[in-house]
Structures are given as structure tokens and as C-alpha cells.
Protein backbone atom coordinates (compact mmCIF):
# COMPACT_ATOMS: atom_id res chain seq x y z
CA MET A 1 -174.97 158.82 -12.59
CA THR A 2 -173.71 162.42 -13.61
CA LEU A 3 -172.52 163.77 -16.86
CA ASP A 4 -169.06 164.36 -15.28
CA VAL A 5 -169.00 160.73 -13.86
CA LEU A 6 -169.93 159.85 -17.39
CA GLN A 7 -167.17 161.91 -19.21
CA ASP A 8 -164.87 160.35 -16.90
CA ARG A 9 -165.58 156.90 -17.59
CA ILE A 10 -165.93 156.85 -21.19
CA GLY A 11 -162.84 159.17 -21.10
CA TYR A 12 -164.12 162.07 -23.43
CA ARG A 13 -165.14 165.59 -22.43
CA PHE A 14 -167.60 167.01 -24.46
CA LYS A 15 -167.07 170.73 -25.61
CA ASP A 16 -171.42 170.51 -25.64
CA GLU A 17 -172.78 168.66 -22.66
CA SER A 18 -176.40 169.23 -24.46
CA LEU A 19 -174.68 166.65 -26.87
CA LEU A 20 -174.72 164.21 -24.14
CA VAL A 21 -177.78 165.12 -22.29
CA LEU A 22 -179.43 164.52 -26.15
CA ALA A 23 -177.27 161.34 -26.81
CA VAL A 24 -178.36 159.07 -23.70
CA THR A 25 -182.48 160.42 -23.49
CA HIS A 26 -184.11 158.08 -24.73
CA SER A 27 -187.60 158.94 -26.77
CA SER A 28 -189.84 157.04 -24.32
CA TRP A 29 -188.47 159.28 -21.23
CA ALA A 30 -188.40 162.58 -22.82
CA ASN A 31 -192.07 161.81 -24.20
CA GLU A 32 -193.32 160.92 -20.63
CA HIS A 33 -191.03 164.14 -19.40
CA SER A 34 -192.55 166.61 -22.46
CA ALA A 35 -189.19 166.57 -23.54
CA GLY A 36 -190.50 167.20 -27.21
CA ASN A 37 -187.69 166.08 -29.87
CA ALA A 38 -185.04 166.11 -27.06
CA HIS A 39 -183.80 162.73 -27.38
CA ASN A 40 -181.19 160.55 -29.31
CA GLU A 41 -183.44 158.99 -32.54
CA ARG A 42 -181.61 161.26 -34.94
CA LEU A 43 -178.26 160.59 -33.65
CA GLU A 44 -179.35 157.18 -33.56
CA PHE A 45 -179.61 156.92 -37.05
CA LEU A 46 -176.99 159.16 -37.78
CA GLY A 47 -174.69 156.56 -36.24
CA ASP A 48 -176.29 153.78 -37.93
CA ALA A 49 -175.76 155.58 -41.31
CA VAL A 50 -172.19 156.18 -40.74
CA LEU A 51 -171.29 152.46 -38.98
CA GLU A 52 -173.28 151.41 -43.00
CA ILE A 53 -171.02 153.58 -44.89
CA ALA A 54 -167.95 152.18 -43.04
CA VAL A 55 -168.98 148.32 -43.39
CA SER A 56 -169.68 148.71 -46.79
CA ALA A 57 -166.65 150.39 -47.50
CA GLN A 58 -164.90 147.37 -45.93
CA LEU A 59 -166.97 144.89 -47.67
CA PHE A 60 -166.17 146.61 -51.33
CA ALA A 61 -162.34 146.78 -50.79
CA LEU A 62 -162.54 143.03 -49.26
CA LEU A 63 -164.78 141.60 -52.60
CA LEU A 64 -162.25 143.88 -54.96
CA ILE A 65 -159.95 140.58 -54.91
CA PHE A 66 -162.71 138.08 -56.17
CA SER A 67 -163.81 137.76 -59.53
CA LEU A 68 -167.33 139.61 -60.68
CA GLY A 69 -169.07 136.28 -60.44
CA ASN A 70 -167.92 134.77 -56.95
CA ARG A 71 -169.16 138.76 -55.38
CA THR A 72 -172.21 137.89 -55.05
CA VAL A 73 -173.46 135.83 -52.16
């Protein structure tokens, strides 16, 4: 699949296509093809952190309706 096809399918055009290449490059492929640190693990870590913040904020807001003793599980 080409980058153009991928961008068409996701409905988004990257201004910097190197970010898309980085996002879809797995670390094992990068290691096998001497690409060094050009893989998606840092982006994956960042995405996980953003998701954690979003879920934590939603849970915190949801649990505010309960008394302090009922907030623990």
C-alpha cells in the first residue's frame, strides 16, 4: 500500500509524510533494515500517555458524583 492510498483511506493528508512513515514503521522492521531509531515506539508511547490522560480525566469527572468512600474500588 502506498502512502497516498493510506492517506485516502484514513481521510487525512499529512503535511509531513515522514511522520506517517514513522508511525507505520515497526521497530523490528527498522532493526532488520538498519533504520536505527526510525520506528513508531516513541509515537506509541506518546499515544498511550495521551490516552491515559483522557481516560483518567473522564474517570475523575465521573467519580466526583460519588462520596469519597465510594470512589475506591
